[in-house]
ModelCIF file with pLDDT and N, C-alpha, C, O atoms, coordinates in Angstrom:
data_MODEL
#
_entry.id   MODEL 
#
_entity.id                         1 
_entity.type                       polymer 
_entity.pdbx_number_of_molecules   1 
#
_entity_poly.entity_id                      1 
_entity_poly.type                           'polypeptide(L)' 
_entity_poly.nstd_linkage                   no 
_entity_poly.nstd_monomer                   no 
_entity_poly.pdbx_seq_one_letter_code       DRDAIAIPNEGIVEEMGNYFVFKKVCDGEYEKTQVALGATDGRRT 
_entity_poly.pdbx_seq_one_letter_code_can   DRDAIAIPNEGIVEEMGNYFVFKKVCDGEYEKTQVALGATDGRRT 
_entity_poly.pdbx_strand_id                 A 
#
loop_
_entity_poly_seq.entity_id 
_entity_poly_seq.num 
_entity_poly_seq.mon_id 
_entity_poly_seq.hetero 
1 1  ASP n 
1 2  ARG n 
1 3  ASP n 
1 4  ALA n 
1 5  ILE n 
1 6  ALA n 
1 7  ILE n 
1 8  PRO n 
1 9  ASN n 
1 10 GLU n 
1 11 GLY n 
1 12 ILE n 
1 13 VAL n 
1 14 GLU n 
1 15 GLU n 
1 16 MET n 
1 17 GLY n 
1 18 ASN n 
1 19 TYR n 
1 20 PHE n 
1 21 VAL n 
1 22 PHE n 
1 23 LYS n 
1 24 LYS n 
1 25 VAL n 
1 26 CYS n 
1 27 ASP n 
1 28 GLY n 
1 29 GLU n 
1 30 TYR n 
1 31 GLU n 
1 32 LYS n 
1 33 THR n 
1 34 GLN n 
1 35 VAL n 
1 36 ALA n 
1 37 LEU n 
1 38 GLY n 
1 39 ALA n 
1 40 THR n 
1 41 ASP n 
1 42 GLY n 
1 43 ARG n 
1 44 ARG n 
1 45 THR n 
#
_struct_asym.id          A 
_struct_asym.entity_id   1 
#
loop_
_ma_qa_metric.id 
_ma_qa_metric.mode 
_ma_qa_metric.name 
_ma_qa_metric.software_group_id 
_ma_qa_metric.type 
1 global pLDDT . pLDDT 
2 local  pLDDT . pLDDT 
#
_ma_qa_metric_global.metric_id      1 
_ma_qa_metric_global.metric_value   91.64 
_ma_qa_metric_global.model_id       1 
_ma_qa_metric_global.ordinal_id     1 
#
loop_
_ma_qa_metric_local.label_asym_id 
_ma_qa_metric_local.label_comp_id 
_ma_qa_metric_local.label_seq_id 
_ma_qa_metric_local.metric_id 
_ma_qa_metric_local.metric_value 
_ma_qa_metric_local.model_id 
_ma_qa_metric_local.ordinal_id 
A ASP 1  2 74.00 1 1  
A ARG 2  2 81.00 1 2  
A ASP 3  2 88.00 1 3  
A ALA 4  2 91.00 1 4  
A ILE 5  2 93.00 1 5  
A ALA 6  2 93.00 1 6  
A ILE 7  2 93.00 1 7  
A PRO 8  2 93.00 1 8  
A ASN 9  2 93.00 1 9  
A GLU 10 2 92.00 1 10 
A GLY 11 2 94.00 1 11 
A ILE 12 2 95.00 1 12 
A VAL 13 2 94.00 1 13 
A GLU 14 2 93.00 1 14 
A GLU 15 2 91.00 1 15 
A MET 16 2 91.00 1 16 
A GLY 17 2 92.00 1 17 
A ASN 18 2 94.00 1 18 
A TYR 19 2 96.00 1 19 
A PHE 20 2 95.00 1 20 
A VAL 21 2 95.00 1 21 
A PHE 22 2 95.00 1 22 
A LYS 23 2 94.00 1 23 
A LYS 24 2 93.00 1 24 
A VAL 25 2 91.00 1 25 
A CYS 26 2 90.00 1 26 
A ASP 27 2 88.00 1 27 
A GLY 28 2 89.00 1 28 
A GLU 29 2 91.00 1 29 
A TYR 30 2 93.00 1 30 
A GLU 31 2 93.00 1 31 
A LYS 32 2 93.00 1 32 
A THR 33 2 94.00 1 33 
A GLN 34 2 95.00 1 34 
A VAL 35 2 96.00 1 35 
A ALA 36 2 95.00 1 36 
A LEU 37 2 95.00 1 37 
A GLY 38 2 92.00 1 38 
A ALA 39 2 89.00 1 39 
A THR 40 2 90.00 1 40 
A ASP 41 2 87.00 1 41 
A GLY 42 2 87.00 1 42 
A ARG 43 2 89.00 1 43 
A ARG 44 2 91.00 1 44 
A THR 45 2 93.00 1 45 
#
loop_
_atom_site.group_PDB 
_atom_site.id 
_atom_site.type_symbol 
_atom_site.label_atom_id 
_atom_site.label_alt_id 
_atom_site.label_comp_id 
_atom_site.label_asym_id 
_atom_site.label_entity_id 
_atom_site.label_seq_id 
_atom_site.pdbx_PDB_ins_code 
_atom_site.Cartn_x 
_atom_site.Cartn_y 
_atom_site.Cartn_z 
_atom_site.occupancy 
_atom_site.B_iso_or_equiv 
_atom_site.pdbx_formal_charge 
_atom_site.auth_seq_id 
_atom_site.auth_comp_id 
_atom_site.auth_asym_id 
_atom_site.auth_atom_id 
_atom_site.pdbx_PDB_model_num 
ATOM 1   N N  . ASP A 1 1  ? 27.803 61.782 138.252 1.00 74.00 ? 1  ASP A N  1 
ATOM 2   C CA . ASP A 1 1  ? 26.542 62.422 138.627 1.00 74.00 ? 1  ASP A CA 1 
ATOM 3   C C  . ASP A 1 1  ? 25.344 61.570 138.223 1.00 74.00 ? 1  ASP A C  1 
ATOM 4   O O  . ASP A 1 1  ? 24.238 62.086 138.062 1.00 74.00 ? 1  ASP A O  1 
ATOM 5   N N  . ARG A 1 2  ? 25.562 60.264 138.059 1.00 81.00 ? 2  ARG A N  1 
ATOM 6   C CA . ARG A 1 2  ? 24.472 59.393 137.662 1.00 81.00 ? 2  ARG A CA 1 
ATOM 7   C C  . ARG A 1 2  ? 24.435 58.163 138.554 1.00 81.00 ? 2  ARG A C  1 
ATOM 8   O O  . ARG A 1 2  ? 25.440 57.788 139.156 1.00 81.00 ? 2  ARG A O  1 
ATOM 9   N N  . ASP A 1 3  ? 23.247 57.533 138.632 1.00 88.00 ? 3  ASP A N  1 
ATOM 10  C CA . ASP A 1 3  ? 23.072 56.298 139.368 1.00 88.00 ? 3  ASP A CA 1 
ATOM 11  C C  . ASP A 1 3  ? 22.886 55.157 138.377 1.00 88.00 ? 3  ASP A C  1 
ATOM 12  O O  . ASP A 1 3  ? 22.367 55.362 137.279 1.00 88.00 ? 3  ASP A O  1 
ATOM 13  N N  . ALA A 1 4  ? 23.304 53.969 138.760 1.00 91.00 ? 4  ALA A N  1 
ATOM 14  C CA . ALA A 1 4  ? 23.197 52.816 137.876 1.00 91.00 ? 4  ALA A CA 1 
ATOM 15  C C  . ALA A 1 4  ? 23.092 51.553 138.716 1.00 91.00 ? 4  ALA A C  1 
ATOM 16  O O  . ALA A 1 4  ? 23.408 51.550 139.906 1.00 91.00 ? 4  ALA A O  1 
ATOM 17  N N  . ILE A 1 5  ? 22.641 50.482 138.073 1.00 93.00 ? 5  ILE A N  1 
ATOM 18  C CA . ILE A 1 5  ? 22.637 49.166 138.696 1.00 93.00 ? 5  ILE A CA 1 
ATOM 19  C C  . ILE A 1 5  ? 23.947 48.486 138.344 1.00 93.00 ? 5  ILE A C  1 
ATOM 20  O O  . ILE A 1 5  ? 24.299 48.392 137.168 1.00 93.00 ? 5  ILE A O  1 
ATOM 21  N N  . ALA A 1 6  ? 24.673 48.013 139.343 1.00 93.00 ? 6  ALA A N  1 
ATOM 22  C CA . ALA A 1 6  ? 25.947 47.331 139.125 1.00 93.00 ? 6  ALA A CA 1 
ATOM 23  C C  . ALA A 1 6  ? 26.027 46.147 140.069 1.00 93.00 ? 6  ALA A C  1 
ATOM 24  O O  . ALA A 1 6  ? 25.556 46.220 141.204 1.00 93.00 ? 6  ALA A O  1 
ATOM 25  N N  . ILE A 1 7  ? 26.622 45.056 139.604 1.00 93.00 ? 7  ILE A N  1 
ATOM 26  C CA . ILE A 1 7  ? 26.765 43.866 140.432 1.00 93.00 ? 7  ILE A CA 1 
ATOM 27  C C  . ILE A 1 7  ? 28.205 43.390 140.375 1.00 93.00 ? 7  ILE A C  1 
ATOM 28  O O  . ILE A 1 7  ? 28.936 43.740 139.448 1.00 93.00 ? 7  ILE A O  1 
ATOM 29  N N  . PRO A 1 8  ? 28.629 42.585 141.366 1.00 93.00 ? 8  PRO A N  1 
ATOM 30  C CA . PRO A 1 8  ? 29.986 42.022 141.324 1.00 93.00 ? 8  PRO A CA 1 
ATOM 31  C C  . PRO A 1 8  ? 30.190 41.175 140.079 1.00 93.00 ? 8  PRO A C  1 
ATOM 32  O O  . PRO A 1 8  ? 29.265 40.514 139.607 1.00 93.00 ? 8  PRO A O  1 
ATOM 33  N N  . ASN A 1 9  ? 31.400 41.199 139.555 1.00 93.00 ? 9  ASN A N  1 
ATOM 34  C CA . ASN A 1 9  ? 31.696 40.464 138.324 1.00 93.00 ? 9  ASN A CA 1 
ATOM 35  C C  . ASN A 1 9  ? 31.486 38.959 138.473 1.00 93.00 ? 9  ASN A C  1 
ATOM 36  O O  . ASN A 1 9  ? 31.239 38.267 137.486 1.00 93.00 ? 9  ASN A O  1 
ATOM 37  N N  . GLU A 1 10 ? 31.582 38.447 139.707 1.00 92.00 ? 10 GLU A N  1 
ATOM 38  C CA . GLU A 1 10 ? 31.377 37.018 139.932 1.00 92.00 ? 10 GLU A CA 1 
ATOM 39  C C  . GLU A 1 10 ? 29.954 36.590 139.598 1.00 92.00 ? 10 GLU A C  1 
ATOM 40  O O  . GLU A 1 10 ? 29.701 35.412 139.346 1.00 92.00 ? 10 GLU A O  1 
ATOM 41  N N  . GLY A 1 11 ? 29.027 37.539 139.596 1.00 94.00 ? 11 GLY A N  1 
ATOM 42  C CA . GLY A 1 11 ? 27.640 37.207 139.329 1.00 94.00 ? 11 GLY A CA 1 
ATOM 43  C C  . GLY A 1 11 ? 27.297 37.151 137.852 1.00 94.00 ? 11 GLY A C  1 
ATOM 44  O O  . GLY A 1 11 ? 26.152 36.867 137.498 1.00 94.00 ? 11 GLY A O  1 
ATOM 45  N N  . ILE A 1 12 ? 28.263 37.416 136.980 1.00 95.00 ? 12 ILE A N  1 
ATOM 46  C CA . ILE A 1 12 ? 28.013 37.462 135.539 1.00 95.00 ? 12 ILE A CA 1 
ATOM 47  C C  . ILE A 1 12 ? 28.686 36.264 134.884 1.00 95.00 ? 12 ILE A C  1 
ATOM 48  O O  . ILE A 1 12 ? 29.867 36.001 135.112 1.00 95.00 ? 12 ILE A O  1 
ATOM 49  N N  . VAL A 1 13 ? 27.918 35.534 134.062 1.00 94.00 ? 13 VAL A N  1 
ATOM 50  C CA . VAL A 1 13 ? 28.474 34.410 133.304 1.00 94.00 ? 13 VAL A CA 1 
ATOM 51  C C  . VAL A 1 13 ? 28.397 34.739 131.822 1.00 94.00 ? 13 VAL A C  1 
ATOM 52  O O  . VAL A 1 13 ? 27.518 35.478 131.378 1.00 94.00 ? 13 VAL A O  1 
ATOM 53  N N  . GLU A 1 14 ? 29.327 34.182 131.070 1.00 93.00 ? 14 GLU A N  1 
ATOM 54  C CA . GLU A 1 14 ? 29.389 34.464 129.635 1.00 93.00 ? 14 GLU A CA 1 
ATOM 55  C C  . GLU A 1 14 ? 29.239 33.174 128.843 1.00 93.00 ? 14 GLU A C  1 
ATOM 56  O O  . GLU A 1 14 ? 29.850 32.155 129.165 1.00 93.00 ? 14 GLU A O  1 
ATOM 57  N N  . GLU A 1 15 ? 28.416 33.236 127.806 1.00 91.00 ? 15 GLU A N  1 
ATOM 58  C CA . GLU A 1 15 ? 28.226 32.098 126.912 1.00 91.00 ? 15 GLU A CA 1 
ATOM 59  C C  . GLU A 1 15 ? 28.186 32.603 125.484 1.00 91.00 ? 15 GLU A C  1 
ATOM 60  O O  . GLU A 1 15 ? 27.282 33.346 125.102 1.00 91.00 ? 15 GLU A O  1 
ATOM 61  N N  . MET A 1 16 ? 29.172 32.195 124.694 1.00 91.00 ? 16 MET A N  1 
ATOM 62  C CA . MET A 1 16 ? 29.213 32.517 123.272 1.00 91.00 ? 16 MET A CA 1 
ATOM 63  C C  . MET A 1 16 ? 29.049 34.014 123.006 1.00 91.00 ? 16 MET A C  1 
ATOM 64  O O  . MET A 1 16 ? 28.332 34.420 122.091 1.00 91.00 ? 16 MET A O  1 
ATOM 65  N N  . GLY A 1 17 ? 29.715 34.813 123.808 1.00 92.00 ? 17 GLY A N  1 
ATOM 66  C CA . GLY A 1 17 ? 29.686 36.250 123.621 1.00 92.00 ? 17 GLY A CA 1 
ATOM 67  C C  . GLY A 1 17 ? 28.507 36.959 124.238 1.00 92.00 ? 17 GLY A C  1 
ATOM 68  O O  . GLY A 1 17 ? 28.432 38.186 124.176 1.00 92.00 ? 17 GLY A O  1 
ATOM 69  N N  . ASN A 1 18 ? 27.572 36.222 124.838 1.00 94.00 ? 18 ASN A N  1 
ATOM 70  C CA . ASN A 1 18 ? 26.428 36.820 125.529 1.00 94.00 ? 18 ASN A CA 1 
ATOM 71  C C  . ASN A 1 18 ? 26.627 36.702 127.031 1.00 94.00 ? 18 ASN A C  1 
ATOM 72  O O  . ASN A 1 18 ? 27.314 35.802 127.513 1.00 94.00 ? 18 ASN A O  1 
ATOM 73  N N  . TYR A 1 19 ? 26.023 37.613 127.752 1.00 96.00 ? 19 TYR A N  1 
ATOM 74  C CA . TYR A 1 19 ? 26.209 37.660 129.200 1.00 96.00 ? 19 TYR A CA 1 
ATOM 75  C C  . TYR A 1 19 ? 24.883 37.440 129.910 1.00 96.00 ? 19 TYR A C  1 
ATOM 76  O O  . TYR A 1 19 ? 23.829 37.892 129.462 1.00 96.00 ? 19 TYR A O  1 
ATOM 77  N N  . PHE A 1 20 ? 24.969 36.720 131.050 1.00 95.00 ? 20 PHE A N  1 
ATOM 78  C CA . PHE A 1 20 ? 23.768 36.338 131.778 1.00 95.00 ? 20 PHE A CA 1 
ATOM 79  C C  . PHE A 1 20 ? 23.993 36.504 133.273 1.00 95.00 ? 20 PHE A C  1 
ATOM 80  O O  . PHE A 1 20 ? 25.121 36.472 133.765 1.00 95.00 ? 20 PHE A O  1 
ATOM 81  N N  . VAL A 1 21 ? 22.874 36.684 133.981 1.00 95.00 ? 21 VAL A N  1 
ATOM 82  C CA . VAL A 1 21 ? 22.857 36.603 135.434 1.00 95.00 ? 21 VAL A CA 1 
ATOM 83  C C  . VAL A 1 21 ? 21.752 35.637 135.817 1.00 95.00 ? 21 VAL A C  1 
ATOM 84  O O  . VAL A 1 21 ? 20.877 35.333 135.007 1.00 95.00 ? 21 VAL A O  1 
ATOM 85  N N  . PHE A 1 22 ? 21.792 35.152 137.056 1.00 95.00 ? 22 PHE A N  1 
ATOM 86  C CA . PHE A 1 22 ? 20.740 34.262 137.545 1.00 95.00 ? 22 PHE A CA 1 
ATOM 87  C C  . PHE A 1 22 ? 19.886 35.036 138.538 1.00 95.00 ? 22 PHE A C  1 
ATOM 88  O O  . PHE A 1 22 ? 20.324 35.393 139.632 1.00 95.00 ? 22 PHE A O  1 
ATOM 89  N N  . LYS A 1 23 ? 18.642 35.284 138.112 1.00 94.00 ? 23 LYS A N  1 
ATOM 90  C CA . LYS A 1 23 ? 17.699 36.066 138.911 1.00 94.00 ? 23 LYS A CA 1 
ATOM 91  C C  . LYS A 1 23 ? 16.805 35.122 139.702 1.00 94.00 ? 23 LYS A C  1 
ATOM 92  O O  . LYS A 1 23 ? 16.271 34.158 139.152 1.00 94.00 ? 23 LYS A O  1 
ATOM 93  N N  . LYS A 1 24 ? 16.645 35.394 140.977 1.00 93.00 ? 24 LYS A N  1 
ATOM 94  C CA . LYS A 1 24 ? 15.817 34.542 141.823 1.00 93.00 ? 24 LYS A CA 1 
ATOM 95  C C  . LYS A 1 24 ? 14.345 34.765 141.487 1.00 93.00 ? 24 LYS A C  1 
ATOM 96  O O  . LYS A 1 24 ? 13.850 35.891 141.526 1.00 93.00 ? 24 LYS A O  1 
ATOM 97  N N  . VAL A 1 25 ? 13.656 33.675 141.159 1.00 91.00 ? 25 VAL A N  1 
ATOM 98  C CA . VAL A 1 25 ? 12.223 33.766 140.873 1.00 91.00 ? 25 VAL A CA 1 
ATOM 99  C C  . VAL A 1 25 ? 11.402 33.298 142.060 1.00 91.00 ? 25 VAL A C  1 
ATOM 100 O O  . VAL A 1 25 ? 10.291 33.781 142.275 1.00 91.00 ? 25 VAL A O  1 
ATOM 101 N N  . CYS A 1 26 ? 11.932 32.373 142.825 1.00 90.00 ? 26 CYS A N  1 
ATOM 102 C CA . CYS A 1 26 ? 11.315 31.932 144.073 1.00 90.00 ? 26 CYS A CA 1 
ATOM 103 C C  . CYS A 1 26 ? 12.350 31.126 144.835 1.00 90.00 ? 26 CYS A C  1 
ATOM 104 O O  . CYS A 1 26 ? 13.474 30.946 144.366 1.00 90.00 ? 26 CYS A O  1 
ATOM 105 N N  . ASP A 1 27 ? 11.979 30.649 145.993 1.00 88.00 ? 27 ASP A N  1 
ATOM 106 C CA . ASP A 1 27 ? 12.935 29.976 146.850 1.00 88.00 ? 27 ASP A CA 1 
ATOM 107 C C  . ASP A 1 27 ? 13.469 28.713 146.177 1.00 88.00 ? 27 ASP A C  1 
ATOM 108 O O  . ASP A 1 27 ? 12.707 27.794 145.877 1.00 88.00 ? 27 ASP A O  1 
ATOM 109 N N  . GLY A 1 28 ? 14.804 28.672 145.939 1.00 89.00 ? 28 GLY A N  1 
ATOM 110 C CA . GLY A 1 28 ? 15.423 27.506 145.340 1.00 89.00 ? 28 GLY A CA 1 
ATOM 111 C C  . GLY A 1 28 ? 15.392 27.469 143.830 1.00 89.00 ? 28 GLY A C  1 
ATOM 112 O O  . GLY A 1 28 ? 15.839 26.481 143.246 1.00 89.00 ? 28 GLY A O  1 
ATOM 113 N N  . GLU A 1 29 ? 14.885 28.502 143.162 1.00 91.00 ? 29 GLU A N  1 
ATOM 114 C CA . GLU A 1 29 ? 14.833 28.520 141.706 1.00 91.00 ? 29 GLU A CA 1 
ATOM 115 C C  . GLU A 1 29 ? 15.340 29.862 141.178 1.00 91.00 ? 29 GLU A C  1 
ATOM 116 O O  . GLU A 1 29 ? 15.013 30.924 141.707 1.00 91.00 ? 29 GLU A O  1 
ATOM 117 N N  . TYR A 1 30 ? 16.153 29.779 140.113 1.00 93.00 ? 30 TYR A N  1 
ATOM 118 C CA . TYR A 1 30 ? 16.805 30.954 139.567 1.00 93.00 ? 30 TYR A CA 1 
ATOM 119 C C  . TYR A 1 30 ? 16.662 30.942 138.050 1.00 93.00 ? 30 TYR A C  1 
ATOM 120 O O  . TYR A 1 30 ? 16.869 29.920 137.396 1.00 93.00 ? 30 TYR A O  1 
ATOM 121 N N  . GLU A 1 31 ? 16.306 32.092 137.513 1.00 93.00 ? 31 GLU A N  1 
ATOM 122 C CA . GLU A 1 31 ? 16.102 32.209 136.079 1.00 93.00 ? 31 GLU A CA 1 
ATOM 123 C C  . GLU A 1 31 ? 17.337 32.815 135.428 1.00 93.00 ? 31 GLU A C  1 
ATOM 124 O O  . GLU A 1 31 ? 17.814 33.880 135.821 1.00 93.00 ? 31 GLU A O  1 
ATOM 125 N N  . LYS A 1 32 ? 17.841 32.103 134.418 1.00 93.00 ? 32 LYS A N  1 
ATOM 126 C CA . LYS A 1 32 ? 18.982 32.599 133.648 1.00 93.00 ? 32 LYS A CA 1 
ATOM 127 C C  . LYS A 1 32 ? 18.508 33.735 132.752 1.00 93.00 ? 32 LYS A C  1 
ATOM 128 O O  . LYS A 1 32 ? 17.687 33.527 131.858 1.00 93.00 ? 32 LYS A O  1 
ATOM 129 N N  . THR A 1 33 ? 19.035 34.959 132.996 1.00 94.00 ? 33 THR A N  1 
ATOM 130 C CA . THR A 1 33 ? 18.540 36.161 132.343 1.00 94.00 ? 33 THR A CA 1 
ATOM 131 C C  . THR A 1 33 ? 19.666 36.848 131.581 1.00 94.00 ? 33 THR A C  1 
ATOM 132 O O  . THR A 1 33 ? 20.717 37.150 132.146 1.00 94.00 ? 33 THR A O  1 
ATOM 133 N N  . GLN A 1 34 ? 19.435 37.091 130.299 1.00 95.00 ? 34 GLN A N  1 
ATOM 134 C CA . GLN A 1 34 ? 20.447 37.782 129.497 1.00 95.00 ? 34 GLN A CA 1 
ATOM 135 C C  . GLN A 1 34 ? 20.460 39.263 129.847 1.00 95.00 ? 34 GLN A C  1 
ATOM 136 O O  . GLN A 1 34 ? 19.408 39.879 130.017 1.00 95.00 ? 34 GLN A O  1 
ATOM 137 N N  . VAL A 1 35 ? 21.652 39.828 129.953 1.00 96.00 ? 35 VAL A N  1 
ATOM 138 C CA . VAL A 1 35 ? 21.802 41.239 130.315 1.00 96.00 ? 35 VAL A CA 1 
ATOM 139 C C  . VAL A 1 35 ? 22.767 41.905 129.353 1.00 96.00 ? 35 VAL A C  1 
ATOM 140 O O  . VAL A 1 35 ? 23.551 41.238 128.677 1.00 96.00 ? 35 VAL A O  1 
ATOM 141 N N  . ALA A 1 36 ? 22.701 43.215 129.301 1.00 95.00 ? 36 ALA A N  1 
ATOM 142 C CA . ALA A 1 36 ? 23.647 44.036 128.548 1.00 95.00 ? 36 ALA A CA 1 
ATOM 143 C C  . ALA A 1 36 ? 24.534 44.754 129.549 1.00 95.00 ? 36 ALA A C  1 
ATOM 144 O O  . ALA A 1 36 ? 24.045 45.323 130.525 1.00 95.00 ? 36 ALA A O  1 
ATOM 145 N N  . LEU A 1 37 ? 25.833 44.728 129.308 1.00 95.00 ? 37 LEU A N  1 
ATOM 146 C CA . LEU A 1 37 ? 26.794 45.283 130.254 1.00 95.00 ? 37 LEU A CA 1 
ATOM 147 C C  . LEU A 1 37 ? 27.225 46.686 129.859 1.00 95.00 ? 37 LEU A C  1 
ATOM 148 O O  . LEU A 1 37 ? 27.256 47.046 128.682 1.00 95.00 ? 37 LEU A O  1 
ATOM 149 N N  . GLY A 1 38 ? 27.557 47.466 130.881 1.00 92.00 ? 38 GLY A N  1 
ATOM 150 C CA . GLY A 1 38 ? 28.114 48.795 130.671 1.00 92.00 ? 38 GLY A CA 1 
ATOM 151 C C  . GLY A 1 38 ? 29.558 48.831 131.130 1.00 92.00 ? 38 GLY A C  1 
ATOM 152 O O  . GLY A 1 38 ? 30.328 47.914 130.848 1.00 92.00 ? 38 GLY A O  1 
ATOM 153 N N  . ALA A 1 39 ? 29.920 49.872 131.825 1.00 89.00 ? 39 ALA A N  1 
ATOM 154 C CA . ALA A 1 39 ? 31.295 50.046 132.292 1.00 89.00 ? 39 ALA A CA 1 
ATOM 155 C C  . ALA A 1 39 ? 31.581 49.126 133.467 1.00 89.00 ? 39 ALA A C  1 
ATOM 156 O O  . ALA A 1 39 ? 30.660 48.665 134.141 1.00 89.00 ? 39 ALA A O  1 
ATOM 157 N N  . THR A 1 40 ? 32.853 48.861 133.710 1.00 90.00 ? 40 THR A N  1 
ATOM 158 C CA . THR A 1 40 ? 33.276 48.058 134.856 1.00 90.00 ? 40 THR A CA 1 
ATOM 159 C C  . THR A 1 40 ? 34.441 48.737 135.552 1.00 90.00 ? 40 THR A C  1 
ATOM 160 O O  . THR A 1 40 ? 35.258 49.393 134.906 1.00 90.00 ? 40 THR A O  1 
ATOM 161 N N  . ASP A 1 41 ? 34.521 48.582 136.867 1.00 87.00 ? 41 ASP A N  1 
ATOM 162 C CA . ASP A 1 41 ? 35.660 49.114 137.608 1.00 87.00 ? 41 ASP A CA 1 
ATOM 163 C C  . ASP A 1 41 ? 36.620 48.002 138.020 1.00 87.00 ? 41 ASP A C  1 
ATOM 164 O O  . ASP A 1 41 ? 37.484 48.191 138.876 1.00 87.00 ? 41 ASP A O  1 
ATOM 165 N N  . GLY A 1 42 ? 36.450 46.836 137.391 1.00 87.00 ? 42 GLY A N  1 
ATOM 166 C CA . GLY A 1 42 ? 37.309 45.707 137.714 1.00 87.00 ? 42 GLY A CA 1 
ATOM 167 C C  . GLY A 1 42 ? 36.710 44.770 138.728 1.00 87.00 ? 42 GLY A C  1 
ATOM 168 O O  . GLY A 1 42 ? 37.057 43.590 138.769 1.00 87.00 ? 42 GLY A O  1 
ATOM 169 N N  . ARG A 1 43 ? 35.806 45.284 139.557 1.00 89.00 ? 43 ARG A N  1 
ATOM 170 C CA . ARG A 1 43 ? 35.140 44.455 140.560 1.00 89.00 ? 43 ARG A CA 1 
ATOM 171 C C  . ARG A 1 43 ? 33.641 44.369 140.318 1.00 89.00 ? 43 ARG A C  1 
ATOM 172 O O  . ARG A 1 43 ? 33.038 43.304 140.453 1.00 89.00 ? 43 ARG A O  1 
ATOM 173 N N  . ARG A 1 44 ? 33.052 45.493 139.963 1.00 91.00 ? 44 ARG A N  1 
ATOM 174 C CA . ARG A 1 44 ? 31.617 45.539 139.700 1.00 91.00 ? 44 ARG A CA 1 
ATOM 175 C C  . ARG A 1 44 ? 31.396 46.057 138.283 1.00 91.00 ? 44 ARG A C  1 
ATOM 176 O O  . ARG A 1 44 ? 32.169 46.865 137.769 1.00 91.00 ? 44 ARG A O  1 
ATOM 177 N N  . THR A 1 45 ? 30.312 45.568 137.660 1.00 93.00 ? 45 THR A N  1 
ATOM 178 C CA . THR A 1 45 ? 30.008 45.949 136.296 1.00 93.00 ? 45 THR A CA 1 
ATOM 179 C C  . THR A 1 45 ? 28.593 46.487 136.215 1.00 93.00 ? 45 THR A C  1 
ATOM 180 O O  . THR A 1 45 ? 28.138 46.868 135.136 1.00 93.00 ? 45 THR A O  1 
#
């Protein structure tokens, strides 16, 4: 009964126990952004 933001697991990278995604800031440039993860269904987190 709740809504959440979830993305495919392929979009998440892990470094030294921290998790990141690459957020588009403009055309051709992506910002490495640290995120906190919740539940996963095996395909999306």
